[in-house]
Amino acid sequence: MVRPPAVAGQFYPETASEVDTALQTLIPPSVSKRRAIAVVCPHAGWTYSGRTAGFVYSLVEIPDRVILVGPNHHGVGSNYAVYGSGSWHTPVGDVPIAEPLAAELLDNCELLAEDAHAHGSEHSLEVQAPMLLRANPNVRIVPLLIGGGWPESGGRNNLREIGAAIALTVREYGKPVLLLASTDLNHYEDQEASHIKDKLVLDAIVKLDEEALMNHVIDVEVSMCGVASTYIVLHAAKKLGAKRAELLDYRTSGDVNGDFAQVVGYAAVVIE
């Protein structure tokens, strides 16, 4: 099964030449790359968040296997949906699914379901695919969408169980696997309010504190779409030995278009 692009020509360019041109700017060459257990990366249109995402793909070593965890914005399909076989087509080539890794993850967690339909129109992971392919032409992915009602997506116990299953799957695989949490930050408040709210959640992420992250999102009403995805990845990363995290870049849509009345926040974080 080949998943066709759903948002090419909307969130990122539609043709191979346009994608190549954009990525030359968004992912500048780096002399040395960092090995990471996990990263946090935004998923808005490349015009807005592509430069922030580019810090991840420029500075972090992308191994041959990546597990992508993102929010299901459309509420379609299973609450915890794995795309388990085939490939994802992009304007610059196909990204194969890491089928044995996906199968192992499904076996390790009864909460997860193989559900390609849930991924059909979702952008949160698709926008990463051409960037991953640019960073590593040999990359294979396991896409996982988290639904189940924002922000806790079925409850923290479920999120911890999924995170633990991801960590177990990575340990059993025995080769490098990068975890990627796809999320944007606060949505559609003014720049000053968003800076305050985004700093709270980013401080929690950098401290590797998934509970504080979720608490801040709830307590001060941070409209962070991928909070559950980030919670899962933080939990998994700590089980895989993560000790530190660093904010690589932060900006808002207002920094791009000059409209500071209603902004969306974007951040890139590396977890080691």
C-alpha atoms as a PDB file:
ATOM      1  CA  MET A   1       0.000   0.000   0.000  1.00  0.00           C
ATOM      2  CA  VAL A   2       1.323   3.433  -0.961  1.00  0.00           C
ATOM      3  CA  ARG A   3      -0.018   6.452   0.890  1.00  0.00           C
ATOM      4  CA  PRO A   4      -0.272   9.416  -1.488  1.00  0.00           C
ATOM      5  CA  PRO A   5       0.550  12.907  -0.218  1.00  0.00           C
ATOM      6  CA  ALA A   6      -2.454  14.649   1.328  1.00  0.00           C
ATOM      7  CA  VAL A   7      -1.021  18.136   1.848  1.00  0.00           C
ATOM      8  CA  ALA A   8       1.644  18.588  -0.852  1.00  0.00           C
ATOM      9  CA  GLY A   9       0.985  21.942  -2.466  1.00  0.00           C
ATOM     10  CA  GLN A  10      -0.547  23.212   0.783  1.00  0.00           C
ATOM     11  CA  PHE A  11       1.799  22.644   3.731  1.00  0.00           C
ATOM     12  CA  TYR A  12       4.880  22.186   1.548  1.00  0.00           C
ATOM     13  CA  PRO A  13       5.645  22.344  -2.201  1.00  0.00           C
ATOM     14  CA  GLU A  14       4.031  19.997  -4.697  1.00  0.00           C
ATOM     15  CA  THR A  15       6.860  19.287  -7.151  1.00  0.00           C
ATOM     16  CA  ALA A  16      10.234  17.649  -6.611  1.00  0.00           C
ATOM     17  CA  SER A  17      12.157  20.691  -7.823  1.00  0.00           C
ATOM     18  CA  GLU A  18      10.229  23.014  -5.498  1.00  0.00           C
ATOM     19  CA  VAL A  19      10.739  20.678  -2.528  1.00  0.00           C
ATOM     20  CA  ASP A  20      14.468  20.420  -3.273  1.00  0.00           C
ATOM     21  CA  THR A  21      14.794  24.187  -3.511  1.00  0.00           C
ATOM     22  CA  ALA A  22      12.935  24.697  -0.222  1.00  0.00           C
ATOM     23  CA  LEU A  23      14.959  22.068   1.627  1.00  0.00           C
ATOM     24  CA  GLN A  24      18.261  23.557   0.473  1.00  0.00           C
ATOM     25  CA  THR A  25      17.288  26.628   2.492  1.00  0.00           C
ATOM     26  CA  LEU A  26      15.495  24.947   5.389  1.00  0.00           C
ATOM     27  CA  ILE A  27      18.098  22.240   6.090  1.00  0.00           C
ATOM     28  CA  PRO A  28      21.536  23.815   5.748  1.00  0.00           C
ATOM     29  CA  PRO A  29      24.577  21.506   5.808  1.00  0.00           C
ATOM     30  CA  SER A  30      26.082  20.837   9.225  1.00  0.00           C
ATOM     31  CA  VAL A  31      29.702  19.980   9.936  1.00  0.00           C
ATOM     32  CA  SER A  32      28.763  17.552  12.714  1.00  0.00           C
ATOM     33  CA  LYS A  33      25.492  15.989  13.804  1.00  0.00           C
ATOM     34  CA  ARG A  34      24.336  14.992  17.272  1.00  0.00           C
ATOM     35  CA  ARG A  35      23.123  11.530  18.174  1.00  0.00           C
ATOM     36  CA  ALA A  36      19.770  11.730  19.895  1.00  0.00           C
ATOM     37  CA  ILE A  37      17.236   9.460  21.499  1.00  0.00           C
ATOM     38  CA  ALA A  38      14.327  11.695  20.520  1.00  0.00           C
ATOM     39  CA  VAL A  39      13.399  15.061  19.058  1.00  0.00           C
ATOM     40  CA  VAL A  40      10.430  17.413  19.176  1.00  0.00           C
ATOM     41  CA  CYS A  41       9.611  18.997  15.832  1.00  0.00           C
ATOM     42  CA  PRO A  42       6.817  21.295  14.533  1.00  0.00           C
ATOM     43  CA  HIS A  43       4.410  20.416  11.734  1.00  0.00           C
ATOM     44  CA  ALA A  44       2.866  23.606  10.378  1.00  0.00           C
ATOM     45  CA  GLY A  45       3.353  24.675   6.786  1.00  0.00           C
ATOM     46  CA  TRP A  46       7.026  24.906   5.897  1.00  0.00           C
ATOM     47  CA  THR A  47       6.676  28.652   5.299  1.00  0.00           C
ATOM     48  CA  TYR A  48       5.990  29.070   8.997  1.00  0.00           C
ATOM     49  CA  SER A  49       7.665  26.201  10.845  1.00  0.00           C
ATOM     50  CA  GLY A  50      10.041  24.765   8.277  1.00  0.00           C
ATOM     51  CA  ARG A  51      13.059  26.721   9.453  1.00  0.00           C
ATOM     52  CA  THR A  52      12.512  25.528  13.028  1.00  0.00           C
ATOM     53  CA  ALA A  53      12.077  21.930  11.882  1.00  0.00           C
ATOM     54  CA  GLY A  54      15.219  22.375   9.809  1.00  0.00           C
ATOM     55  CA  PHE A  55      17.283  22.748  12.984  1.00  0.00           C
ATOM     56  CA  VAL A  56      16.378  19.149  13.849  1.00  0.00           C
ATOM     57  CA  TYR A  57      17.212  17.777  10.427  1.00  0.00           C
ATOM     58  CA  SER A  58      20.405  19.819  10.109  1.00  0.00           C
ATOM     59  CA  LEU A  59      21.874  19.215  13.560  1.00  0.00           C
ATOM     60  CA  VAL A  60      20.587  15.751  14.584  1.00  0.00           C
ATOM     61  CA  GLU A  61      21.741  12.461  13.105  1.00  0.00           C
ATOM     62  CA  ILE A  62      18.753  10.764  11.464  1.00  0.00           C
ATOM     63  CA  PRO A  63      19.204   6.975  11.671  1.00  0.00           C
ATOM     64  CA  ASP A  64      17.710   4.460   9.270  1.00  0.00           C
ATOM     65  CA  ARG A  65      14.675   3.949  11.519  1.00  0.00           C
ATOM     66  CA  VAL A  66      12.400   6.635  12.959  1.00  0.00           C
ATOM     67  CA  ILE A  67       9.204   6.255  14.992  1.00  0.00           C
ATOM     68  CA  LEU A  68       6.990   9.297  14.398  1.00  0.00           C
ATOM     69  CA  VAL A  69       4.314  10.196  16.951  1.00  0.00           C
ATOM     70  CA  GLY A  70       1.871  12.977  16.118  1.00  0.00           C
ATOM     71  CA  PRO A  71      -1.653  14.208  16.814  1.00  0.00           C
ATOM     72  CA  ASN A  72      -4.663  13.118  14.805  1.00  0.00           C
ATOM     73  CA  HIS A  73      -6.236  16.507  14.063  1.00  0.00           C
ATOM     74  CA  HIS A  74      -9.203  15.040  12.198  1.00  0.00           C
ATOM     75  CA  GLY A  75     -10.360  12.417  14.690  1.00  0.00           C
ATOM     76  CA  VAL A  76     -10.532   9.778  11.957  1.00  0.00           C
ATOM     77  CA  GLY A  77      -9.975   6.107  12.704  1.00  0.00           C
ATOM     78  CA  SER A  78      -8.466   4.409  15.737  1.00  0.00           C
ATOM     79  CA  ASN A  79      -7.384   6.431  18.745  1.00  0.00           C
ATOM     80  CA  TYR A  80      -3.835   5.074  18.544  1.00  0.00           C
ATOM     81  CA  ALA A  81      -3.252   4.304  14.885  1.00  0.00           C
ATOM     82  CA  VAL A  82      -0.110   2.742  13.422  1.00  0.00           C
ATOM     83  CA  TYR A  83       0.559   2.814   9.678  1.00  0.00           C
ATOM     84  CA  GLY A  84       2.074  -0.638   9.517  1.00  0.00           C
ATOM     85  CA  SER A  85       3.027  -1.520   5.946  1.00  0.00           C
ATOM     86  CA  GLY A  86       3.827  -0.161   2.501  1.00  0.00           C
ATOM     87  CA  SER A  87       5.300   3.286   1.935  1.00  0.00           C
ATOM     88  CA  TRP A  88       4.532   6.992   1.938  1.00  0.00           C
ATOM     89  CA  HIS A  89       4.917   8.762  -1.375  1.00  0.00           C
ATOM     90  CA  THR A  90       6.400  12.256  -1.414  1.00  0.00           C
ATOM     91  CA  PRO A  91       7.255  14.548  -4.329  1.00  0.00           C
ATOM     92  CA  VAL A  92      10.926  13.599  -3.858  1.00  0.00           C
ATOM     93  CA  GLY A  93      10.495   9.835  -3.491  1.00  0.00           C
ATOM     94  CA  ASP A  94       8.935   7.153  -1.346  1.00  0.00           C
ATOM     95  CA  VAL A  95       9.586   6.633   2.355  1.00  0.00           C
ATOM     96  CA  PRO A  96       9.135   2.934   3.201  1.00  0.00           C
ATOM     97  CA  ILE A  97       7.444   1.764   6.370  1.00  0.00           C
ATOM     98  CA  ALA A  98       9.761  -0.119   8.731  1.00  0.00           C
ATOM     99  CA  GLU A  99       7.380  -3.073   8.704  1.00  0.00           C
ATOM    100  CA  PRO A 100       9.111  -5.418  11.182  1.00  0.00           C
ATOM    101  CA  LEU A 101       9.526  -2.556  13.664  1.00  0.00           C
ATOM    102  CA  ALA A 102       5.878  -1.561  13.243  1.00  0.00           C
ATOM    103  CA  ALA A 103       4.763  -5.152  13.749  1.00  0.00           C
ATOM    104  CA  GLU A 104       6.851  -5.446  16.908  1.00  0.00           C
ATOM    105  CA  LEU A 105       5.386  -2.236  18.289  1.00  0.00           C
ATOM    106  CA  LEU A 106       1.859  -3.468  17.624  1.00  0.00           C
ATOM    107  CA  ASP A 107       2.665  -6.746  19.363  1.00  0.00           C
ATOM    108  CA  ASN A 108       4.053  -4.887  22.379  1.00  0.00           C
ATOM    109  CA  CYS A 109       0.984  -2.717  23.003  1.00  0.00           C
ATOM    110  CA  GLU A 110      -2.639  -3.857  22.890  1.00  0.00           C
ATOM    111  CA  LEU A 111      -3.806  -0.239  22.798  1.00  0.00           C
ATOM    112  CA  LEU A 112      -2.360   0.266  19.332  1.00  0.00           C
ATOM    113  CA  ALA A 113      -4.196  -0.640  16.139  1.00  0.00           C
ATOM    114  CA  GLU A 114      -2.958  -0.938  12.577  1.00  0.00           C
ATOM    115  CA  ASP A 115      -5.074   1.670  10.798  1.00  0.00           C
ATOM    116  CA  ALA A 116      -3.897   3.246   7.546  1.00  0.00           C
ATOM    117  CA  HIS A 117      -7.221   5.066   7.115  1.00  0.00           C
ATOM    118  CA  ALA A 118      -6.526   7.273  10.149  1.00  0.00           C
ATOM    119  CA  HIS A 119      -3.437   8.629   8.388  1.00  0.00           C
ATOM    120  CA  GLY A 120      -5.098   9.395   5.066  1.00  0.00           C
ATOM    121  CA  SER A 121      -5.550  13.165   5.390  1.00  0.00           C
ATOM    122  CA  GLU A 122      -3.386  13.962   8.431  1.00  0.00           C
ATOM    123  CA  HIS A 123      -0.533  16.445   7.981  1.00  0.00           C
ATOM    124  CA  SER A 124       1.312  16.222  11.305  1.00  0.00           C
ATOM    125  CA  LEU A 125       3.579  13.381  10.182  1.00  0.00           C
ATOM    126  CA  GLU A 126       3.444  13.849   6.422  1.00  0.00           C
ATOM    127  CA  VAL A 127       5.276  17.181   6.541  1.00  0.00           C
ATOM    128  CA  GLN A 128       8.228  15.398   8.183  1.00  0.00           C
ATOM    129  CA  ALA A 129       8.592  12.776   5.434  1.00  0.00           C
ATOM    130  CA  PRO A 130      10.413  14.814   2.751  1.00  0.00           C
ATOM    131  CA  MET A 131      12.699  16.293   5.411  1.00  0.00           C
ATOM    132  CA  LEU A 132      13.537  12.848   6.764  1.00  0.00           C
ATOM    133  CA  LEU A 133      14.274  11.613   3.258  1.00  0.00           C
ATOM    134  CA  ARG A 134      16.540  14.596   2.658  1.00  0.00           C
ATOM    135  CA  ALA A 135      18.442  13.950   5.897  1.00  0.00           C
ATOM    136  CA  ASN A 136      18.734  10.193   5.295  1.00  0.00           C
ATOM    137  CA  PRO A 137      17.751   8.653   1.929  1.00  0.00           C
ATOM    138  CA  ASN A 138      17.720   5.208   3.592  1.00  0.00           C
ATOM    139  CA  VAL A 139      15.190   6.139   6.265  1.00  0.00           C
ATOM    140  CA  ARG A 140      12.237   3.897   7.095  1.00  0.00           C
ATOM    141  CA  ILE A 141       9.460   5.042   9.388  1.00  0.00           C
ATOM    142  CA  VAL A 142       6.795   3.864  11.810  1.00  0.00           C
ATOM    143  CA  PRO A 143       4.013   6.507  11.851  1.00  0.00           C
ATOM    144  CA  LEU A 144       1.753   6.604  14.930  1.00  0.00           C
ATOM    145  CA  LEU A 145      -1.167   9.007  15.311  1.00  0.00           C
ATOM    146  CA  ILE A 146      -2.632   9.810  18.718  1.00  0.00           C
ATOM    147  CA  GLY A 147      -6.330  10.669  18.975  1.00  0.00           C
ATOM    148  CA  GLY A 148      -8.751   9.909  21.763  1.00  0.00           C
ATOM    149  CA  GLY A 149      -9.645  13.416  22.850  1.00  0.00           C
ATOM    150  CA  TRP A 150      -7.341  16.342  23.572  1.00  0.00           C
ATOM    151  CA  PRO A 151      -5.298  16.872  25.691  1.00  0.00           C
ATOM    152  CA  GLU A 152      -4.848  13.561  27.557  1.00  0.00           C
ATOM    153  CA  SER A 153      -5.959  11.371  24.646  1.00  0.00           C
ATOM    154  CA  GLY A 154      -7.634   8.642  26.655  1.00  0.00           C
ATOM    155  CA  GLY A 155      -5.711   9.221  29.862  1.00  0.00           C
ATOM    156  CA  ARG A 156      -2.135   9.401  31.062  1.00  0.00           C
ATOM    157  CA  ASN A 157      -2.075   5.697  31.915  1.00  0.00           C
ATOM    158  CA  ASN A 158      -2.640   4.918  28.243  1.00  0.00           C
ATOM    159  CA  LEU A 159       0.021   7.391  27.165  1.00  0.00           C
ATOM    160  CA  ARG A 160       2.543   5.895  29.567  1.00  0.00           C
ATOM    161  CA  GLU A 161       1.697   2.393  28.355  1.00  0.00           C
ATOM    162  CA  ILE A 162       2.294   3.432  24.739  1.00  0.00           C
ATOM    163  CA  GLY A 163       5.546   5.165  25.683  1.00  0.00           C
ATOM    164  CA  ALA A 164       6.753   2.078  27.533  1.00  0.00           C
ATOM    165  CA  ALA A 165       5.889  -0.112  24.534  1.00  0.00           C
ATOM    166  CA  ILE A 166       7.849   2.180  22.216  1.00  0.00           C
ATOM    167  CA  ALA A 167      10.872   1.995  24.518  1.00  0.00           C
ATOM    168  CA  LEU A 168      10.622  -1.796  24.727  1.00  0.00           C
ATOM    169  CA  THR A 169      10.359  -2.036  20.936  1.00  0.00           C
ATOM    170  CA  VAL A 170      13.437   0.128  20.434  1.00  0.00           C
ATOM    171  CA  ARG A 171      15.448  -1.899  22.951  1.00  0.00           C
ATOM    172  CA  GLU A 172      14.420  -5.163  21.308  1.00  0.00           C
ATOM    173  CA  TYR A 173      15.329  -3.827  17.864  1.00  0.00           C
ATOM    174  CA  GLY A 174      18.892  -3.314  18.997  1.00  0.00           C
ATOM    175  CA  LYS A 175      19.855  -0.752  16.363  1.00  0.00           C
ATOM    176  CA  PRO A 176      19.509   3.042  16.382  1.00  0.00           C
ATOM    177  CA  VAL A 177      15.918   4.285  16.294  1.00  0.00           C
ATOM    178  CA  LEU A 178      15.018   7.961  16.633  1.00  0.00           C
ATOM    179  CA  LEU A 179      11.737   8.976  18.278  1.00  0.00           C
ATOM    180  CA  LEU A 180      10.080  12.096  16.864  1.00  0.00           C
ATOM    181  CA  ALA A 181       7.238  13.947  18.569  1.00  0.00           C
ATOM    182  CA  SER A 182       5.405  16.170  16.099  1.00  0.00           C
ATOM    183  CA  THR A 183       3.679  19.175  17.660  1.00  0.00           C
ATOM    184  CA  ASP A 184       3.032  22.868  17.389  1.00  0.00           C
ATOM    185  CA  LEU A 185       2.705  24.958  20.552  1.00  0.00           C
ATOM    186  CA  ASN A 186       0.106  27.542  21.611  1.00  0.00           C
ATOM    187  CA  HIS A 187      -2.383  28.567  18.916  1.00  0.00           C
ATOM    188  CA  TYR A 188      -4.013  31.884  17.991  1.00  0.00           C
ATOM    189  CA  GLU A 189      -3.263  34.109  20.943  1.00  0.00           C
ATOM    190  CA  ASP A 190      -1.132  37.225  20.805  1.00  0.00           C
ATOM    191  CA  GLN A 191       2.648  37.003  20.804  1.00  0.00           C
ATOM    192  CA  GLU A 192       3.091  38.004  24.448  1.00  0.00           C
ATOM    193  CA  ALA A 193       0.576  35.468  25.774  1.00  0.00           C
ATOM    194  CA  SER A 194       1.963  32.717  23.574  1.00  0.00           C
ATOM    195  CA  HIS A 195       5.520  33.398  24.693  1.00  0.00           C
ATOM    196  CA  ILE A 196       4.460  32.966  28.326  1.00  0.00           C
ATOM    197  CA  LYS A 197       2.527  29.762  27.692  1.00  0.00           C
ATOM    198  CA  ASP A 198       5.094  28.284  25.332  1.00  0.00           C
ATOM    199  CA  LYS A 199       7.901  28.905  27.822  1.00  0.00           C
ATOM    200  CA  LEU A 200       6.049  26.901  30.466  1.00  0.00           C
ATOM    201  CA  VAL A 201       5.675  23.847  28.258  1.00  0.00           C
ATOM    202  CA  LEU A 202       9.166  24.120  26.788  1.00  0.00           C
ATOM    203  CA  ASP A 203      10.704  24.348  30.239  1.00  0.00           C
ATOM    204  CA  ALA A 204       8.892  21.109  31.149  1.00  0.00           C
ATOM    205  CA  ILE A 205      10.068  19.394  27.962  1.00  0.00           C
ATOM    206  CA  VAL A 206      13.684  20.444  28.495  1.00  0.00           C
ATOM    207  CA  LYS A 207      13.443  19.112  32.059  1.00  0.00           C
ATOM    208  CA  LEU A 208      12.084  15.815  30.645  1.00  0.00           C
ATOM    209  CA  ASP A 209       9.014  16.193  32.842  1.00  0.00           C
ATOM    210  CA  GLU A 210       5.997  14.893  30.936  1.00  0.00           C
ATOM    211  CA  GLU A 211       3.706  15.289  33.947  1.00  0.00           C
ATOM    212  CA  ALA A 212       4.540  18.991  34.323  1.00  0.00           C
ATOM    213  CA  LEU A 213       4.062  19.384  30.574  1.00  0.00           C
ATOM    214  CA  MET A 214       0.525  18.002  30.704  1.00  0.00           C
ATOM    215  CA  ASN A 215      -0.275  19.905  33.884  1.00  0.00           C
ATOM    216  CA  HIS A 216       0.788  23.225  32.349  1.00  0.00           C
ATOM    217  CA  VAL A 217      -1.248  22.578  29.207  1.00  0.00           C
ATOM    218  CA  ILE A 218      -4.343  21.965  31.326  1.00  0.00           C
ATOM    219  CA  ASP A 219      -3.792  24.570  34.042  1.00  0.00           C
ATOM    220  CA  VAL A 220      -3.031  27.569  31.832  1.00  0.00           C
ATOM    221  CA  GLU A 221      -4.928  26.348  28.746  1.00  0.00           C
ATOM    222  CA  VAL A 222      -2.068  25.942  26.290  1.00  0.00           C
ATOM    223  CA  SER A 223      -3.535  24.879  22.946  1.00  0.00           C
ATOM    224  CA  MET A 224      -0.599  22.579  22.131  1.00  0.00           C
ATOM    225  CA  CYS A 225      -2.003  20.086  19.625  1.00  0.00           C
ATOM    226  CA  GLY A 226       0.631  17.382  20.117  1.00  0.00           C
ATOM    227  CA  VAL A 227       0.881  17.399  23.894  1.00  0.00           C
ATOM    228  CA  ALA A 228      -0.051  13.700  24.127  1.00  0.00           C
ATOM    229  CA  SER A 229       2.473  12.801  21.422  1.00  0.00           C
ATOM    230  CA  THR A 230       5.179  14.712  23.259  1.00  0.00           C
ATOM    231  CA  TYR A 231       4.186  13.134  26.588  1.00  0.00           C
ATOM    232  CA  ILE A 232       4.550   9.672  25.042  1.00  0.00           C
ATOM    233  CA  VAL A 233       7.943  10.422  23.508  1.00  0.00           C
ATOM    234  CA  LEU A 234       9.297  11.966  26.712  1.00  0.00           C
ATOM    235  CA  HIS A 235       8.174   8.922  28.681  1.00  0.00           C
ATOM    236  CA  ALA A 236       9.741   6.548  26.153  1.00  0.00           C
ATOM    237  CA  ALA A 237      12.959   8.553  25.894  1.00  0.00           C
ATOM    238  CA  LYS A 238      13.526   8.452  29.648  1.00  0.00           C
ATOM    239  CA  LYS A 239      13.040   4.686  29.663  1.00  0.00           C
ATOM    240  CA  LEU A 240      15.704   4.563  26.933  1.00  0.00           C
ATOM    241  CA  GLY A 241      18.121   6.474  29.142  1.00  0.00           C
ATOM    242  CA  ALA A 242      17.583  10.111  28.194  1.00  0.00           C
ATOM    243  CA  LYS A 243      19.266  12.464  30.657  1.00  0.00           C
ATOM    244  CA  ARG A 244      19.085  15.899  29.053  1.00  0.00           C
ATOM    245  CA  ALA A 245      17.279  17.963  26.461  1.00  0.00           C
ATOM    246  CA  GLU A 246      18.081  21.211  24.681  1.00  0.00           C
ATOM    247  CA  LEU A 247      15.927  23.765  22.916  1.00  0.00           C
ATOM    248  CA  LEU A 248      17.395  24.265  19.436  1.00  0.00           C
ATOM    249  CA  ASP A 249      14.982  26.896  18.155  1.00  0.00           C
ATOM    250  CA  TYR A 250      11.769  28.683  19.049  1.00  0.00           C
ATOM    251  CA  ARG A 251       9.708  31.147  17.060  1.00  0.00           C
ATOM    252  CA  THR A 252       6.110  31.964  16.194  1.00  0.00           C
ATOM    253  CA  SER A 253       4.167  32.532  13.013  1.00  0.00           C
ATOM    254  CA  GLY A 254       4.275  36.229  13.860  1.00  0.00           C
ATOM    255  CA  ASP A 255       8.045  36.197  13.467  1.00  0.00           C
ATOM    256  CA  VAL A 256       7.423  35.106   9.863  1.00  0.00           C
ATOM    257  CA  ASN A 257       4.422  37.127   8.727  1.00  0.00           C
ATOM    258  CA  GLY A 258       4.531  40.085  11.099  1.00  0.00           C
ATOM    259  CA  ASP A 259       1.041  39.417  12.502  1.00  0.00           C
ATOM    260  CA  PHE A 260       1.516  39.256  16.266  1.00  0.00           C
ATOM    261  CA  ALA A 261      -2.179  39.352  17.174  1.00  0.00           C
ATOM    262  CA  GLN A 262      -2.825  35.627  16.601  1.00  0.00           C
ATOM    263  CA  VAL A 263       0.271  33.485  16.483  1.00  0.00           C
ATOM    264  CA  VAL A 264       1.204  29.805  16.596  1.00  0.00           C
ATOM    265  CA  GLY A 265       4.375  28.692  18.375  1.00  0.00           C
ATOM    266  CA  TYR A 266       7.004  26.321  16.989  1.00  0.00           C
ATOM    267  CA  ALA A 267       9.965  24.679  18.703  1.00  0.00           C
ATOM    268  CA  ALA A 268      12.733  22.215  17.966  1.00  0.00           C
ATOM    269  CA  VAL A 269      14.127  20.178  20.876  1.00  0.00           C
ATOM    270  CA  VAL A 270      16.776  17.482  20.955  1.00  0.00           C
ATOM    271  CA  ILE A 271      16.653  14.810  23.687  1.00  0.00           C
ATOM    272  CA  GLU A 272      19.842  12.895  24.466  1.00  0.00           C
END
